[in-house]
Amino acid sequence: MPKSTTRRPDYVTARAKPPRRPTPAVIRANAVYSWAALRRRLGWAEHSGRQARVAGLRLITFGRQKYCLGEDVLSFFRKLADRQQAAEHRDQ
């Protein structure tokens, strides 16, 4: 019996990619994060990271790499929350 020459469509033979597991967004005050790892951990795209730097997130450059202290990240979010809360009170 001859083999079938019909080819399966690609969507049948292609393997499905496993679902991406988000990295937990836990930031420890006593930790040091590379800029790339921090952006991944927080789910930030490049533009979001740039906005955070413009808004005051402090980075440390060592050689070609950039790092951020966990305490600086937490402080940044506290200040951001305070600014937003103050803006909401002004609008009322």
N, C-alpha and C. Protein backbone atom coordinates (compact mmCIF):
# COMPACT_ATOMS: atom_id res chain seq x y z
N MET A 1 0.85 -1.16 0.00
CA MET A 1 0.00 0.00 0.00
C MET A 1 0.90 1.24 0.00
N PRO A 2 0.70 2.17 -0.93
CA PRO A 2 1.55 3.36 -1.02
C PRO A 2 1.24 4.34 0.12
N LYS A 3 2.30 5.09 0.50
CA LYS A 3 2.12 6.10 1.55
C LYS A 3 1.29 7.25 1.02
N SER A 4 0.57 7.84 1.91
CA SER A 4 -0.25 8.99 1.54
C SER A 4 0.66 10.18 1.29
N THR A 5 0.43 10.88 0.22
CA THR A 5 1.25 12.06 -0.09
C THR A 5 0.61 13.35 0.39
N THR A 6 -0.51 13.24 1.04
CA THR A 6 -1.14 14.46 1.55
C THR A 6 -0.37 14.93 2.77
N ARG A 7 -0.16 16.19 2.83
CA ARG A 7 0.61 16.79 3.91
C ARG A 7 -0.34 17.43 4.92
N ARG A 8 -0.02 17.24 6.16
CA ARG A 8 -0.83 17.87 7.20
C ARG A 8 -0.59 19.37 7.19
N PRO A 9 -1.61 20.13 7.48
CA PRO A 9 -1.40 21.59 7.58
C PRO A 9 -0.47 21.92 8.75
N ASP A 10 0.24 23.04 8.64
CA ASP A 10 1.20 23.43 9.66
C ASP A 10 0.58 23.57 11.04
N TYR A 11 -0.66 24.04 11.08
CA TYR A 11 -1.27 24.24 12.39
C TYR A 11 -1.52 22.94 13.11
N VAL A 12 -1.53 21.83 12.41
CA VAL A 12 -1.73 20.53 13.04
C VAL A 12 -0.40 19.99 13.55
N THR A 13 0.68 20.20 12.79
CA THR A 13 1.96 19.63 13.17
C THR A 13 2.78 20.54 14.07
N ALA A 14 2.49 21.83 14.06
CA ALA A 14 3.27 22.75 14.88
C ALA A 14 2.98 22.52 16.36
N ARG A 15 4.04 22.57 17.15
CA ARG A 15 3.87 22.40 18.58
C ARG A 15 3.45 23.72 19.22
N ALA A 16 2.54 23.61 20.12
CA ALA A 16 2.09 24.80 20.82
C ALA A 16 3.16 25.22 21.82
N LYS A 17 3.38 26.52 21.93
CA LYS A 17 4.34 27.03 22.91
C LYS A 17 3.70 26.94 24.29
N PRO A 18 4.50 26.59 25.28
CA PRO A 18 3.93 26.55 26.64
C PRO A 18 3.57 27.98 27.07
N PRO A 19 2.55 28.12 27.89
CA PRO A 19 2.17 29.47 28.33
C PRO A 19 3.29 30.12 29.13
N ARG A 20 3.48 31.42 28.91
CA ARG A 20 4.51 32.15 29.64
C ARG A 20 4.08 32.34 31.07
N ARG A 21 4.96 32.02 31.97
CA ARG A 21 4.66 32.23 33.38
C ARG A 21 5.23 33.58 33.79
N PRO A 22 4.40 34.45 34.29
CA PRO A 22 4.92 35.75 34.71
C PRO A 22 5.84 35.59 35.92
N THR A 23 6.90 36.36 35.92
CA THR A 23 7.81 36.37 37.07
C THR A 23 7.12 37.12 38.19
N PRO A 24 7.17 36.59 39.40
CA PRO A 24 6.50 37.31 40.49
C PRO A 24 7.12 38.68 40.69
N ALA A 25 6.30 39.67 40.89
CA ALA A 25 6.76 41.05 41.02
C ALA A 25 7.06 41.39 42.47
N VAL A 26 7.83 40.54 43.13
CA VAL A 26 8.23 40.81 44.50
C VAL A 26 9.57 41.53 44.46
N ILE A 27 9.63 42.69 45.08
CA ILE A 27 10.86 43.47 45.14
C ILE A 27 11.32 43.49 46.59
N ARG A 28 12.53 43.05 46.81
CA ARG A 28 13.09 43.03 48.16
C ARG A 28 13.98 44.25 48.35
N ALA A 29 13.82 44.92 49.47
CA ALA A 29 14.55 46.17 49.74
C ALA A 29 16.06 45.94 49.81
N ASN A 30 16.50 44.78 50.23
CA ASN A 30 17.93 44.54 50.39
C ASN A 30 18.56 43.84 49.19
N ALA A 31 17.89 43.84 48.04
CA ALA A 31 18.39 43.16 46.84
C ALA A 31 18.88 44.17 45.81
N VAL A 32 19.74 43.69 44.91
CA VAL A 32 20.21 44.49 43.78
C VAL A 32 19.70 43.79 42.53
N TYR A 33 19.07 44.54 41.63
CA TYR A 33 18.50 43.98 40.41
C TYR A 33 19.19 44.59 39.20
N SER A 34 19.48 43.76 38.20
CA SER A 34 19.94 44.33 36.94
C SER A 34 18.73 45.02 36.32
N TRP A 35 18.99 46.00 35.49
CA TRP A 35 17.91 46.76 34.87
C TRP A 35 17.02 45.84 34.04
N ALA A 36 17.63 44.91 33.31
CA ALA A 36 16.85 43.99 32.47
C ALA A 36 15.99 43.07 33.35
N ALA A 37 16.57 42.56 34.43
CA ALA A 37 15.82 41.67 35.32
C ALA A 37 14.67 42.41 36.01
N LEU A 38 14.93 43.65 36.39
CA LEU A 38 13.88 44.44 37.05
C LEU A 38 12.72 44.70 36.09
N ARG A 39 13.04 45.07 34.86
CA ARG A 39 11.98 45.32 33.87
C ARG A 39 11.18 44.05 33.62
N ARG A 40 11.87 42.92 33.51
CA ARG A 40 11.16 41.64 33.32
C ARG A 40 10.27 41.34 34.51
N ARG A 41 10.80 41.52 35.71
CA ARG A 41 10.06 41.22 36.94
C ARG A 41 8.81 42.07 37.06
N LEU A 42 8.90 43.33 36.66
CA LEU A 42 7.75 44.24 36.75
C LEU A 42 6.86 44.21 35.51
N GLY A 43 7.30 43.51 34.48
CA GLY A 43 6.50 43.42 33.25
C GLY A 43 6.55 44.70 32.44
N TRP A 44 7.63 45.45 32.58
CA TRP A 44 7.77 46.73 31.88
C TRP A 44 8.39 46.53 30.51
N ALA A 45 7.81 47.18 29.52
CA ALA A 45 8.44 47.25 28.21
C ALA A 45 9.51 48.35 28.28
N GLU A 46 10.24 48.52 27.21
CA GLU A 46 11.31 49.52 27.22
C GLU A 46 10.78 50.92 27.49
N HIS A 47 9.64 51.25 26.91
CA HIS A 47 9.08 52.59 27.10
C HIS A 47 8.67 52.83 28.55
N SER A 48 8.08 51.84 29.17
CA SER A 48 7.68 51.98 30.58
C SER A 48 8.90 52.19 31.46
N GLY A 49 9.96 51.46 31.18
CA GLY A 49 11.20 51.63 31.94
C GLY A 49 11.77 53.02 31.77
N ARG A 50 11.71 53.53 30.55
CA ARG A 50 12.20 54.88 30.28
C ARG A 50 11.38 55.91 31.04
N GLN A 51 10.07 55.72 31.07
CA GLN A 51 9.20 56.64 31.81
C GLN A 51 9.53 56.62 33.31
N ALA A 52 9.83 55.45 33.84
CA ALA A 52 10.17 55.34 35.26
C ALA A 52 11.47 56.08 35.55
N ARG A 53 12.43 55.97 34.66
CA ARG A 53 13.70 56.68 34.85
C ARG A 53 13.49 58.18 34.80
N VAL A 54 12.67 58.64 33.88
CA VAL A 54 12.38 60.08 33.78
C VAL A 54 11.64 60.55 35.02
N ALA A 55 10.77 59.69 35.56
CA ALA A 55 9.99 60.05 36.75
C ALA A 55 10.80 59.97 38.04
N GLY A 56 12.06 59.52 37.95
CA GLY A 56 12.90 59.58 39.14
C GLY A 56 13.46 58.28 39.66
N LEU A 57 13.25 57.17 38.97
CA LEU A 57 13.83 55.91 39.42
C LEU A 57 15.35 55.97 39.23
N ARG A 58 16.08 55.71 40.29
CA ARG A 58 17.54 55.84 40.27
C ARG A 58 18.18 54.54 39.80
N LEU A 59 19.10 54.66 38.83
CA LEU A 59 19.87 53.51 38.35
C LEU A 59 21.34 53.72 38.66
N ILE A 60 22.04 52.62 38.85
CA ILE A 60 23.47 52.64 39.09
C ILE A 60 24.13 52.01 37.87
N THR A 61 25.11 52.69 37.29
CA THR A 61 25.82 52.15 36.15
C THR A 61 27.17 51.65 36.61
N PHE A 62 27.49 50.42 36.24
CA PHE A 62 28.79 49.83 36.54
C PHE A 62 29.25 49.14 35.27
N GLY A 63 30.28 49.69 34.65
CA GLY A 63 30.69 49.17 33.35
C GLY A 63 29.60 49.47 32.34
N ARG A 64 29.19 48.46 31.63
CA ARG A 64 28.12 48.64 30.64
C ARG A 64 26.74 48.30 31.21
N GLN A 65 26.72 47.75 32.40
CA GLN A 65 25.46 47.30 32.99
C GLN A 65 24.83 48.37 33.86
N LYS A 66 23.51 48.28 33.98
CA LYS A 66 22.76 49.17 34.85
C LYS A 66 22.08 48.32 35.91
N TYR A 67 22.07 48.83 37.13
CA TYR A 67 21.49 48.12 38.26
C TYR A 67 20.59 49.06 39.04
N CYS A 68 19.73 48.47 39.85
CA CYS A 68 18.84 49.25 40.68
C CYS A 68 18.72 48.55 42.03
N LEU A 69 18.77 49.33 43.08
CA LEU A 69 18.59 48.77 44.42
C LEU A 69 17.11 48.58 44.69
N GLY A 70 16.79 47.49 45.35
CA GLY A 70 15.40 47.22 45.68
C GLY A 70 14.77 48.33 46.49
N GLU A 71 15.55 48.91 47.43
CA GLU A 71 15.00 50.00 48.25
C GLU A 71 14.68 51.22 47.40
N ASP A 72 15.46 51.45 46.32
CA ASP A 72 15.16 52.57 45.42
C ASP A 72 13.88 52.34 44.63
N VAL A 73 13.64 51.08 44.26
CA VAL A 73 12.40 50.76 43.53
C VAL A 73 11.20 50.98 44.43
N LEU A 74 11.28 50.49 45.67
CA LEU A 74 10.17 50.65 46.60
C LEU A 74 9.93 52.12 46.93
N SER A 75 11.00 52.87 47.09
CA SER A 75 10.90 54.31 47.35
C SER A 75 10.25 55.02 46.16
N PHE A 76 10.64 54.62 44.96
CA PHE A 76 10.06 55.21 43.74
C PHE A 76 8.55 55.00 43.72
N PHE A 77 8.10 53.79 44.02
CA PHE A 77 6.66 53.52 44.00
C PHE A 77 5.93 54.25 45.12
N ARG A 78 6.57 54.40 46.28
CA ARG A 78 5.94 55.17 47.37
C ARG A 78 5.74 56.62 46.95
N LYS A 79 6.78 57.23 46.36
CA LYS A 79 6.69 58.62 45.90
C LYS A 79 5.65 58.76 44.80
N LEU A 80 5.60 57.79 43.90
CA LEU A 80 4.62 57.81 42.82
C LEU A 80 3.20 57.76 43.38
N ALA A 81 2.99 56.90 44.37
CA ALA A 81 1.67 56.79 45.00
C ALA A 81 1.31 58.08 45.72
N ASP A 82 2.28 58.68 46.40
CA ASP A 82 2.03 59.95 47.10
C ASP A 82 1.65 61.05 46.13
N ARG A 83 2.36 61.12 44.99
CA ARG A 83 2.05 62.14 43.97
C ARG A 83 0.65 61.96 43.41
N GLN A 84 0.29 60.71 43.14
CA GLN A 84 -1.03 60.43 42.59
C GLN A 84 -2.11 60.76 43.60
N GLN A 85 -1.88 60.44 44.87
CA GLN A 85 -2.85 60.73 45.89
C GLN A 85 -3.02 62.25 46.07
N ALA A 86 -1.91 62.98 46.03
CA ALA A 86 -1.98 64.43 46.16
C ALA A 86 -2.74 65.03 44.97
N ALA A 87 -2.54 64.49 43.79
CA ALA A 87 -3.24 64.99 42.59
C ALA A 87 -4.73 64.71 42.69
N GLU A 88 -5.10 63.57 43.25
CA GLU A 88 -6.53 63.25 43.41
C GLU A 88 -7.18 64.20 44.41
N HIS A 89 -6.48 64.55 45.48
CA HIS A 89 -7.04 65.47 46.48
C HIS A 89 -7.17 66.87 45.92
N ARG A 90 -6.22 67.27 45.06
CA ARG A 90 -6.31 68.59 44.45
C ARG A 90 -7.51 68.70 43.52
N ASP A 91 -7.83 67.59 42.83
CA ASP A 91 -8.93 67.60 41.85
C ASP A 91 -10.30 67.61 42.53
N GLN A 92 -10.37 67.28 43.80
CA GLN A 92 -11.68 67.20 44.46
C GLN A 92 -12.17 68.54 44.91
